[in-house]
Every structure is written in structure tokens, then in C-alpha cells.
Amino acid sequence: MKNLLAFTLLGATLVAGTSSTQAEWHRFRGPNGNGYITGNTELPTVLSKETLAWKAPLPGRGLGSAIVVADKVIVSAASGPHQDKLQILCFSNTDGSELWRRSFWATGRTMCHKKTCVAAPTPTSDGKNIYALWSSNDLVSLDLEGNLRWMRGLTLDYPNASNSLGMASSPVIAGGTLVAQIENDSESFAAGFDLDTGANKWKISRPKMANWTSPVTMSFGGQTIVALQSGKGVMGISPSTGSALWNFSKGASTIPSGAAAGDTLIVPSRGLTALRPGAKGGEPVSVWNQKTQKPATASPLITGDRFYFINSAGVLTAADRKTGERLWRIRVKGPFSGSPVACQNKHLYLFNEKGLAQVVDLSGKEGKIVSEFELKETILGTASIARNALYVRSDQTLWKFATKK
């Protein structure tokens, strides 16, 4: 997902990532939505019983990542035989104690493929409030103390917006708007919701096909653009109005999401393709295309001038963000549903479906696995990084790893 791009603009983006809110993990795949977070240089490079800070039990299934807001770690879950009890849980970042739990009954459909679940989307936050979406198309906002601000049962307004395999797209906040893709093979749409009321600010029709990708934010011309990916391609929109700014119509994956750095988007399309936005209403510029580089389920990770992806054979590849050319590749132990994450300590973290944690040192000429740790539970979600700690969850447990001082 990358480049010819203004490296100065990327630099500004990465510097912005060190602000108080950006340095936390407020959404799916981190502050820039590409799996990378600046700082966190003291994150442990060995995951073990010694670096396990705490673990906390969870009451139901969930694939969504933990988000970290100040001293709180927040996850969503779904429990019950039909996964119709929707939950948001808040834990103390210090010791893992449960601070509060809020439960809601699903108003929409809860059928899902057995590998996924109703709590597949990752919640998001603007640093003041929490916003959570479930596969049942129930959308909720709470304050940081767990008080309900508003709730939308979107199935009541859009009764055909679902698919039999379950929904998984994670919402993002951009332009003072909560943006969500409610895309399926029937009543498919994307919408922008008012942060204070949950009311629609805009709604646009989307391709009628099942889609599990999440919106990605990127910069261009001093403004924030939200890229909406589907099997038809990628559309760049204004987050505040939903108006289309550009469209890439050559198709894209419906499972791994794209990732952005500055004004360049690397999207799983015909292998991997790097795009830069074109003029309003025009096709974006294709910077490069690598047809042999094909990510599987995990989304690509961008770190500075490099990006990383995992293919269906369990091979982790490092490539140049400017050209897309491969730099090195190593085999890791899969399979993977969650995506890799990394920070400025020059290590990459990934968890396979069997619960094996693997840490890859990125500082050498080739990547090297330097740590493995068995969590012995199925992990299908993506880890999170904040405050020099790593967080990952299964259906049963939330773990925090940190260097003990």
C-alpha cells in the first residue's frame, strides 16, 4: 500500500502519531490504521511468563482488538447461545481489574460463520467516548465511565443489511464523524454518524456483496480522506459529507484491508497496488503494482519506508514502500487471521490462530524470529500496542505484556 509519496508528509504523519491521543490505540490497527505506532520503544521483545503483566477473563466471544484510552483497556464481546448478549468491558490498565461492564440485547441478526462472531468489529474512541459496532448492526456510544450516550439498532432502519456469514468491518472516527461500512449482498451501504447523537449525517449506497474490510484514513492536500474498500475497488470520500472524491475501479480484496501512510494507500488489489488520490472524480494514480505479492487474511503493516504482509503459505515478506520490491521473506508459523503490529522498537508482533505469539526482529538485513510464546487459546484478532505494552485477546482471555520495572 504505498508510495512515490511525499516522505515529508509521511514524516509529519508519524510525528503527529506521538500526540497524547495518537500515541494510544483508539481503533482497529492503531492510530494510523496501518498496524504501526510510534514510540513504545520499551515494549518487551520477549513474550513470556516474566513479561506477562496481567490477564483478565472475558465473558463471551470476540475478534475485535482491545483499544487503550488513558488508563483504560476496552473490548467488546458477545455471549449466550445465540451471541445476542452484547457487551463492552473496561479494565484497569494497571492491574487488569474489571472497572465496569455494560450489556445490551442485540436487535439485529446474530448468525455468523463459526470461525467469526458477533463481536468481530473493533470499537473506536475519540479519547472522550467509546463507539462500538457489532455484526448484528447494533451501534452504541458510551462515555469512559460506561454510561450509555446513545444506541442505534441499524437493522430496524435497514432490515436487509446483513449476510449469513456475519459482518466484521470496524468503524473509524474522521472529520468529526463516525464512519462505518455496513456492506453485504443485499442492503449495502456506508454511513457517517453524528458523534453526539448517533443520527445519520450521510448515507451512501455501496456494492452489493459481502465485505469484511474496514475504512482506512489517509491524508491528501491537507485534508483527511476515508478510503472505502470493496470487491469493486476503493473509493475515497469526505468523512464529514460522504461525497466521493475519487474512485479506483479495478477491484480489491474483501477480507484484508488496505493500509495508508500519508497520501499513499497500499491496497490488496491484483496482488498489492499502491495508490495516490487523483483529482476529484478522477481515477487515482497507481504508483506501483506487485502481482505476486498476495496477502491472505491478515492486512498489510506499514512501518516508515517498509511494509510487511503474510501470504497464504505463512511467509512474512518485507518490501520497499516506494517501489513495492521485496527485500526479504521468512516463514512464520501460521495460519493467521489477525494482522501483524509493530512499533519503534523495531520488532513485529503476530499471533497465529492456535495462540502462538511470535516476535520478529526487523533491525537486521533479514527478519529473525526472536521469541515465541504459547498462549494455548485460539486467537483470531489483531493485537494492540500502547504505553509500552502489548494487548491481545481470545474469546476467553485478555492479556497484557509489558517489561516489568
Protein backbone atom coordinates (compact mmCIF):
# COMPACT_ATOMS: atom_id res chain seq x y z
CA MET A 1 0.00 0.00 0.00
CA LYS A 2 2.40 2.63 -0.84
CA ASN A 3 4.37 5.23 -2.45
CA LEU A 4 6.14 7.70 -4.68
CA LEU A 5 4.97 9.83 -1.99
CA ALA A 6 5.89 12.85 -0.08
CA PHE A 7 8.13 11.41 2.58
CA THR A 8 7.93 14.73 4.34
CA LEU A 9 4.18 14.31 4.58
CA LEU A 10 4.67 10.80 5.98
CA GLY A 11 7.14 12.21 8.46
CA ALA A 12 4.56 14.74 9.59
CA THR A 13 2.02 11.96 9.91
CA LEU A 14 4.34 9.84 12.04
CA VAL A 15 5.26 12.81 14.23
CA ALA A 16 1.57 13.50 14.70
CA GLY A 17 1.35 9.93 15.98
CA THR A 18 3.23 10.98 19.10
CA SER A 19 0.50 13.29 20.41
CA SER A 20 -1.31 12.21 23.56
CA THR A 21 -4.30 10.74 21.76
CA GLN A 22 -2.44 9.40 18.72
CA ALA A 23 0.09 7.59 20.90
CA GLU A 24 -2.74 5.48 22.27
CA TRP A 25 -4.54 2.72 20.40
CA HIS A 26 -8.04 4.06 19.73
CA ARG A 27 -9.16 1.96 16.76
CA PHE A 28 -8.57 -1.12 14.62
CA ARG A 29 -4.87 -1.37 13.69
CA GLY A 30 -3.77 1.65 15.66
CA PRO A 31 -3.63 5.45 15.37
CA ASN A 32 -2.99 5.48 11.61
CA GLY A 33 -4.91 2.29 10.79
CA ASN A 34 -1.80 0.59 9.37
CA GLY A 35 -0.67 -1.56 12.32
CA TYR A 36 2.18 0.76 13.34
CA ILE A 37 2.54 3.12 16.29
CA THR A 38 5.41 5.46 17.09
CA GLY A 39 7.20 5.41 20.43
CA ASN A 40 6.75 2.37 22.67
CA THR A 41 10.48 1.66 22.50
CA GLU A 42 10.37 -0.20 25.82
CA LEU A 43 7.87 -2.78 24.62
CA PRO A 44 9.22 -6.24 25.56
CA THR A 45 10.88 -8.10 22.72
CA VAL A 46 10.45 -11.42 24.52
CA LEU A 47 6.93 -12.56 25.35
CA SER A 48 6.94 -14.95 28.30
CA LYS A 49 5.52 -15.55 31.76
CA GLU A 50 8.01 -12.96 33.01
CA THR A 51 6.70 -10.22 30.70
CA LEU A 52 3.03 -11.10 31.20
CA ALA A 53 1.79 -8.12 33.23
CA TRP A 54 -1.73 -9.48 33.76
CA LYS A 55 -4.54 -11.44 32.19
CA ALA A 56 -8.28 -10.98 32.63
CA PRO A 57 -11.19 -13.34 31.89
CA LEU A 58 -13.72 -12.42 29.21
CA PRO A 59 -17.39 -13.46 29.26
CA GLY A 60 -18.01 -14.15 25.59
CA ARG A 61 -16.68 -14.39 22.08
CA GLY A 62 -14.84 -11.56 20.36
CA LEU A 63 -12.45 -10.94 17.50
CA GLY A 64 -12.25 -7.17 17.87
CA SER A 65 -8.98 -5.75 19.20
CA ALA A 66 -8.63 -4.03 22.55
CA ILE A 67 -8.49 -0.25 22.46
CA VAL A 68 -6.49 1.71 25.04
CA VAL A 69 -7.73 5.09 26.24
CA ALA A 70 -5.74 6.71 29.06
CA ASP A 71 -5.70 4.18 31.92
CA LYS A 72 -8.50 2.04 30.46
CA VAL A 73 -8.40 -1.05 28.22
CA ILE A 74 -11.71 -1.67 26.44
CA VAL A 75 -13.01 -4.66 24.50
CA SER A 76 -16.35 -5.79 23.11
CA ALA A 77 -17.80 -9.29 23.36
CA ALA A 78 -20.93 -11.30 22.59
CA SER A 79 -22.22 -14.10 24.78
CA GLY A 80 -25.10 -16.54 25.07
CA PRO A 81 -26.07 -19.50 22.86
CA HIS A 82 -27.03 -17.12 20.06
CA GLN A 83 -24.43 -14.43 20.84
CA ASP A 84 -27.28 -11.99 21.38
CA LYS A 85 -25.96 -10.51 24.64
CA LEU A 86 -23.68 -7.69 23.52
CA GLN A 87 -21.09 -6.49 26.00
CA ILE A 88 -18.48 -3.78 26.44
CA LEU A 89 -15.90 -4.33 29.17
CA CYS A 90 -13.43 -1.87 30.64
CA PHE A 91 -10.30 -2.97 32.52
CA SER A 92 -7.70 -1.12 34.52
CA ASN A 93 -4.52 -0.77 32.51
CA THR A 94 -2.56 -1.04 35.76
CA ASP A 95 -3.63 -4.42 37.08
CA GLY A 96 -6.29 -5.80 34.72
CA SER A 97 -9.13 -5.47 37.21
CA GLU A 98 -12.56 -5.02 35.66
CA LEU A 99 -13.74 -1.43 36.13
CA TRP A 100 -17.16 -1.78 34.53
CA ARG A 101 -19.24 -3.90 32.18
CA ARG A 102 -22.27 -2.91 30.12
CA SER A 103 -24.64 -5.33 28.39
CA PHE A 104 -27.25 -4.88 25.63
CA TRP A 105 -29.57 -7.23 23.78
CA ALA A 106 -28.95 -7.49 20.05
CA THR A 107 -31.71 -6.03 17.90
CA GLY A 108 -30.40 -7.46 14.61
CA ARG A 109 -29.37 -10.82 13.22
CA THR A 110 -26.67 -12.74 15.06
CA MET A 111 -25.98 -15.57 12.63
CA CYS A 112 -22.27 -15.93 11.83
CA HIS A 113 -19.83 -18.37 10.35
CA LYS A 114 -18.45 -20.49 13.20
CA LYS A 115 -14.98 -19.01 12.75
CA THR A 116 -16.10 -15.44 13.31
CA CYS A 117 -18.54 -13.98 15.82
CA VAL A 118 -20.94 -11.11 16.53
CA ALA A 119 -18.21 -9.08 18.29
CA ALA A 120 -15.88 -9.09 15.29
CA PRO A 121 -15.55 -5.30 14.77
CA THR A 122 -13.06 -3.37 16.91
CA PRO A 123 -14.51 -0.46 18.95
CA THR A 124 -13.11 3.05 18.50
CA SER A 125 -12.76 6.20 20.62
CA ASP A 126 -12.15 9.92 20.23
CA GLY A 127 -10.45 9.96 23.63
CA LYS A 128 -13.66 11.11 25.35
CA ASN A 129 -16.22 8.48 24.40
CA ILE A 130 -16.41 4.90 23.13
CA TYR A 131 -18.18 3.73 19.96
CA ALA A 132 -18.83 0.03 19.35
CA LEU A 133 -20.42 -1.82 16.44
CA TRP A 134 -21.43 -5.49 16.38
CA SER A 135 -22.20 -7.84 13.49
CA SER A 136 -25.86 -7.53 14.48
CA ASN A 137 -25.59 -3.89 13.27
CA ASP A 138 -26.13 -2.56 16.77
CA LEU A 139 -24.17 0.65 17.24
CA VAL A 140 -23.56 2.04 20.75
CA SER A 141 -21.78 5.01 22.30
CA LEU A 142 -20.70 5.13 25.95
CA ASP A 143 -18.64 7.60 27.92
CA LEU A 144 -15.42 6.44 29.57
CA GLU A 145 -17.30 5.60 32.78
CA GLY A 146 -19.61 3.23 30.92
CA ASN A 147 -22.69 5.49 30.82
CA LEU A 148 -24.84 4.99 27.73
CA ARG A 149 -24.92 8.04 25.46
CA TRP A 150 -26.96 6.60 22.57
CA MET A 151 -27.76 3.35 20.76
CA ARG A 152 -28.78 2.60 17.18
CA GLY A 153 -30.30 -0.68 16.10
CA LEU A 154 -29.47 -0.24 12.42
CA THR A 155 -31.40 -3.37 11.41
CA LEU A 156 -34.60 -1.58 12.47
CA ASP A 157 -33.92 1.10 9.85
CA TYR A 158 -32.26 -1.15 7.27
CA PRO A 159 -33.76 -4.64 7.77
CA ASN A 160 -31.93 -6.35 4.90
CA ALA A 161 -28.44 -5.13 5.79
CA SER A 162 -26.81 -8.44 6.75
CA ASN A 163 -25.25 -11.60 5.40
CA SER A 164 -25.28 -15.20 6.61
CA LEU A 165 -21.54 -15.24 7.43
CA GLY A 166 -21.52 -12.23 9.74
CA MET A 167 -20.22 -8.66 9.49
CA ALA A 168 -16.74 -7.61 10.65
CA SER A 169 -15.92 -4.08 9.45
CA SER A 170 -14.58 -1.78 12.21
CA PRO A 171 -15.74 1.87 12.34
CA VAL A 172 -13.37 4.86 12.35
CA ILE A 173 -13.67 8.46 13.50
CA ALA A 174 -12.66 11.13 10.97
CA GLY A 175 -13.81 14.66 10.24
CA GLY A 176 -15.86 14.73 13.43
CA THR A 177 -17.86 11.78 12.11
CA LEU A 178 -18.16 8.08 12.92
CA VAL A 179 -17.78 6.25 9.59
CA ALA A 180 -18.93 2.63 9.20
CA GLN A 181 -19.24 0.21 6.30
CA ILE A 182 -22.43 -1.86 6.57
CA GLU A 183 -21.73 -3.78 3.40
CA ASN A 184 -23.41 -7.01 2.35
CA ASP A 185 -25.05 -8.71 -0.59
CA SER A 186 -28.45 -7.07 -0.05
CA GLU A 187 -28.98 -3.64 1.54
CA SER A 188 -25.36 -2.49 1.32
CA PHE A 189 -24.29 0.98 2.43
CA ALA A 190 -21.73 3.11 4.24
CA ALA A 191 -22.76 5.89 6.60
CA GLY A 192 -21.45 8.73 8.68
CA PHE A 193 -22.96 9.08 12.16
CA ASP A 194 -23.07 12.11 14.44
CA LEU A 195 -20.76 11.52 17.39
CA ASP A 196 -23.15 13.10 19.91
CA THR A 197 -26.48 11.67 18.79
CA GLY A 198 -25.81 8.68 16.53
CA ALA A 199 -28.05 10.21 13.85
CA ASN A 200 -27.10 9.79 10.20
CA LYS A 201 -25.06 12.67 8.81
CA TRP A 202 -24.94 10.93 5.45
CA LYS A 203 -25.54 7.53 3.85
CA ILE A 204 -24.33 6.22 0.50
CA SER A 205 -25.06 3.02 -1.40
CA ARG A 206 -22.24 0.51 -1.72
CA PRO A 207 -21.63 -2.57 -3.92
CA LYS A 208 -23.98 -5.43 -3.08
CA MET A 209 -21.50 -8.06 -1.95
CA ALA A 210 -20.24 -9.44 1.35
CA ASN A 211 -17.32 -7.35 2.55
CA TRP A 212 -15.26 -7.57 5.75
CA THR A 213 -12.75 -4.76 5.17
CA SER A 214 -12.61 -1.65 7.37
CA PRO A 215 -12.42 2.03 6.41
CA VAL A 216 -8.92 3.47 6.23
CA THR A 217 -7.99 7.12 6.79
CA MET A 218 -5.33 8.89 4.74
CA SER A 219 -4.07 12.42 4.09
CA PHE A 220 -4.20 14.38 0.86
CA GLY A 221 -3.99 18.10 0.18
CA GLY A 222 -4.23 18.92 3.87
CA GLN A 223 -7.49 17.03 4.36
CA THR A 224 -8.39 13.62 5.77
CA ILE A 225 -9.88 11.15 3.32
CA VAL A 226 -11.62 7.90 4.22
CA ALA A 227 -10.93 5.06 1.78
CA LEU A 228 -13.78 2.54 1.46
CA GLN A 229 -12.61 -0.79 0.04
CA SER A 230 -14.80 -3.48 -1.54
CA GLY A 231 -14.64 -6.16 -4.18
CA LYS A 232 -15.28 -3.47 -6.79
CA GLY A 233 -12.27 -1.36 -5.77
CA VAL A 234 -11.62 1.60 -3.48
CA MET A 235 -13.49 4.88 -3.16
CA GLY A 236 -12.10 7.94 -1.40
CA ILE A 237 -14.76 10.01 0.37
CA SER A 238 -15.05 13.10 2.53
CA PRO A 239 -15.77 11.79 6.06
CA SER A 240 -17.94 14.77 7.00
CA THR A 241 -20.24 14.64 3.97
CA GLY A 242 -19.80 11.20 2.38
CA SER A 243 -19.18 12.83 -1.01
CA ALA A 244 -16.98 10.85 -3.40
CA LEU A 245 -13.56 12.37 -4.09
CA TRP A 246 -12.07 9.64 -6.29
CA ASN A 247 -12.62 6.05 -7.30
CA PHE A 248 -10.32 3.12 -8.09
CA SER A 249 -12.44 0.63 -10.03
CA LYS A 250 -10.06 -2.27 -10.70
CA GLY A 251 -11.23 -4.44 -7.82
CA ALA A 252 -9.83 -5.21 -4.36
CA SER A 253 -9.94 -7.84 -1.65
CA THR A 254 -12.98 -8.16 0.62
CA ILE A 255 -11.00 -9.58 3.58
CA PRO A 256 -7.60 -7.92 4.23
CA SER A 257 -7.94 -4.13 4.42
CA GLY A 258 -5.61 -1.62 2.85
CA ALA A 259 -3.14 0.47 4.84
CA ALA A 260 -2.06 4.09 4.36
CA ALA A 261 0.98 6.24 5.03
CA GLY A 262 0.50 9.93 4.32
CA ASP A 263 -1.17 10.29 0.91
CA THR A 264 -0.43 6.77 -0.33
CA LEU A 265 -2.65 3.72 0.12
CA ILE A 266 -1.43 0.14 -0.30
CA VAL A 267 -4.43 -1.97 -1.18
CA PRO A 268 -4.79 -5.74 -1.75
CA SER A 269 -5.72 -5.49 -5.42
CA ARG A 270 -4.24 -7.61 -8.24
CA GLY A 271 -1.66 -8.66 -5.67
CA LEU A 272 -0.75 -5.39 -3.99
CA THR A 273 -1.19 -1.95 -5.53
CA ALA A 274 -0.02 1.44 -4.24
CA LEU A 275 -2.38 4.33 -4.97
CA ARG A 276 -2.27 8.08 -4.60
CA PRO A 277 -5.51 10.07 -4.83
CA GLY A 278 -6.29 11.70 -8.15
CA ALA A 279 -8.32 14.83 -8.78
CA LYS A 280 -11.91 14.87 -7.56
CA GLY A 281 -13.95 12.43 -9.60
CA GLY A 282 -10.88 11.03 -11.34
CA GLU A 283 -9.02 7.76 -11.10
CA PRO A 284 -6.21 7.76 -8.51
CA VAL A 285 -2.63 7.32 -9.66
CA SER A 286 -1.25 3.78 -9.49
CA VAL A 287 2.29 4.18 -8.14
CA TRP A 288 3.20 0.51 -8.44
CA ASN A 289 1.64 -2.94 -8.67
CA GLN A 290 3.18 -6.22 -7.49
CA LYS A 291 1.05 -9.09 -8.80
CA THR A 292 2.95 -11.82 -6.94
CA GLN A 293 2.57 -10.20 -3.53
CA LYS A 294 -0.73 -11.51 -2.24
CA PRO A 295 -1.69 -11.08 1.43
CA ALA A 296 -4.02 -13.74 2.81
CA THR A 297 -6.39 -12.83 5.67
CA ALA A 298 -4.04 -10.50 7.57
CA SER A 299 -3.87 -6.87 6.44
CA PRO A 300 -0.51 -5.33 5.45
CA LEU A 301 1.60 -3.45 8.01
CA ILE A 302 3.42 -0.20 7.19
CA THR A 303 6.47 0.98 9.15
CA GLY A 304 8.22 4.03 7.72
CA ASP A 305 9.83 3.15 4.39
CA ARG A 306 8.83 -0.54 4.51
CA PHE A 307 5.70 -2.64 4.55
CA TYR A 308 5.07 -6.24 5.55
CA PHE A 309 2.46 -8.84 4.68
CA ILE A 310 1.76 -12.54 5.25
CA ASN A 311 0.65 -14.77 2.38
CA SER A 312 -1.46 -17.94 2.49
CA ALA A 313 1.68 -20.11 2.80
CA GLY A 314 2.67 -18.45 6.09
CA VAL A 315 5.51 -16.40 4.59
CA LEU A 316 6.20 -12.96 6.07
CA THR A 317 7.54 -10.60 3.40
CA ALA A 318 9.24 -7.23 3.84
CA ALA A 319 9.08 -4.86 0.88
CA ASP A 320 10.11 -1.35 -0.07
CA ARG A 321 7.23 1.09 0.33
CA LYS A 322 8.45 3.28 -2.54
CA THR A 323 8.72 0.56 -5.19
CA GLY A 324 6.91 -2.47 -3.80
CA GLU A 325 10.01 -4.60 -4.39
CA ARG A 326 10.66 -7.47 -1.99
CA LEU A 327 13.53 -7.02 0.48
CA TRP A 328 13.37 -10.33 2.34
CA ARG A 329 10.97 -13.04 3.42
CA ILE A 330 10.88 -15.63 6.19
CA ARG A 331 8.49 -18.39 7.09
CA VAL A 332 6.40 -17.91 10.22
CA LYS A 333 4.13 -20.39 11.94
CA GLY A 334 0.51 -19.88 10.85
CA PRO A 335 -2.28 -19.85 10.00
CA PHE A 336 -3.18 -16.23 10.77
CA SER A 337 -6.48 -14.39 10.98
CA GLY A 338 -5.20 -11.38 12.92
CA SER A 339 -2.80 -8.85 11.40
CA PRO A 340 0.80 -8.07 12.48
CA VAL A 341 1.59 -4.94 14.51
CA ALA A 342 4.85 -3.08 15.21
CA CYS A 343 6.34 -0.04 16.92
CA GLN A 344 9.60 1.89 17.09
CA ASN A 345 11.45 -0.84 18.98
CA LYS A 346 11.93 -2.43 15.52
CA HIS A 347 10.07 -5.61 16.35
CA LEU A 348 6.97 -7.06 14.75
CA TYR A 349 4.34 -8.98 16.77
CA LEU A 350 1.93 -11.55 15.45
CA PHE A 351 -0.31 -14.26 16.90
CA ASN A 352 -1.47 -17.27 14.94
CA GLU A 353 -4.86 -18.93 15.21
CA LYS A 354 -3.54 -21.59 17.60
CA GLY A 355 -2.41 -18.91 20.07
CA LEU A 356 1.31 -18.92 19.32
CA ALA A 357 2.88 -15.48 19.78
CA GLN A 358 5.86 -14.73 17.54
CA VAL A 359 8.17 -11.72 17.73
CA VAL A 360 10.25 -10.82 14.67
CA ASP A 361 13.33 -8.60 14.90
CA LEU A 362 13.25 -6.18 11.96
CA SER A 363 16.56 -4.42 12.64
CA GLY A 364 18.84 -6.68 10.56
CA LYS A 365 19.20 -7.31 6.84
CA GLU A 366 16.58 -10.04 7.21
CA GLY A 367 13.83 -10.63 9.70
CA LYS A 368 14.51 -13.06 12.53
CA ILE A 369 12.08 -14.70 14.95
CA VAL A 370 13.49 -13.92 18.40
CA SER A 371 10.65 -15.01 20.69
CA GLU A 372 7.77 -17.48 20.77
CA PHE A 373 5.19 -17.98 23.49
CA GLU A 374 2.21 -20.32 23.63
CA LEU A 375 -1.00 -18.74 24.94
CA LYS A 376 -2.86 -22.02 24.34
CA GLU A 377 -6.12 -20.38 23.26
CA THR A 378 -7.49 -19.65 19.79
CA ILE A 379 -6.63 -16.11 18.72
CA LEU A 380 -8.32 -14.69 15.62
CA GLY A 381 -7.93 -10.97 16.31
CA THR A 382 -5.19 -8.36 15.96
CA ALA A 383 -3.02 -7.25 18.88
CA SER A 384 -2.80 -3.65 20.12
CA ILE A 385 0.15 -1.55 21.32
CA ALA A 386 0.08 1.39 23.75
CA ARG A 387 2.08 2.72 26.69
CA ASN A 388 4.97 0.30 26.11
CA ALA A 389 2.64 -2.67 26.40
CA LEU A 390 1.11 -5.24 24.06
CA TYR A 391 -2.53 -6.38 24.38
CA VAL A 392 -4.18 -9.38 22.75
CA ARG A 393 -7.43 -11.21 23.31
CA SER A 394 -9.08 -14.54 22.68
CA ASP A 395 -12.70 -15.44 23.36
CA GLN A 396 -11.83 -16.25 26.96
CA THR A 397 -8.92 -14.00 27.95
CA LEU A 398 -7.38 -10.56 27.58
CA TRP A 399 -3.58 -10.44 28.06
CA LYS A 400 -1.20 -7.56 28.66
CA PHE A 401 2.56 -7.93 28.11
CA ALA A 402 4.98 -5.30 29.41
CA THR A 403 8.55 -5.03 30.64
CA LYS A 404 8.49 -5.23 34.43
CA LYS A 405 10.26 -2.39 36.20
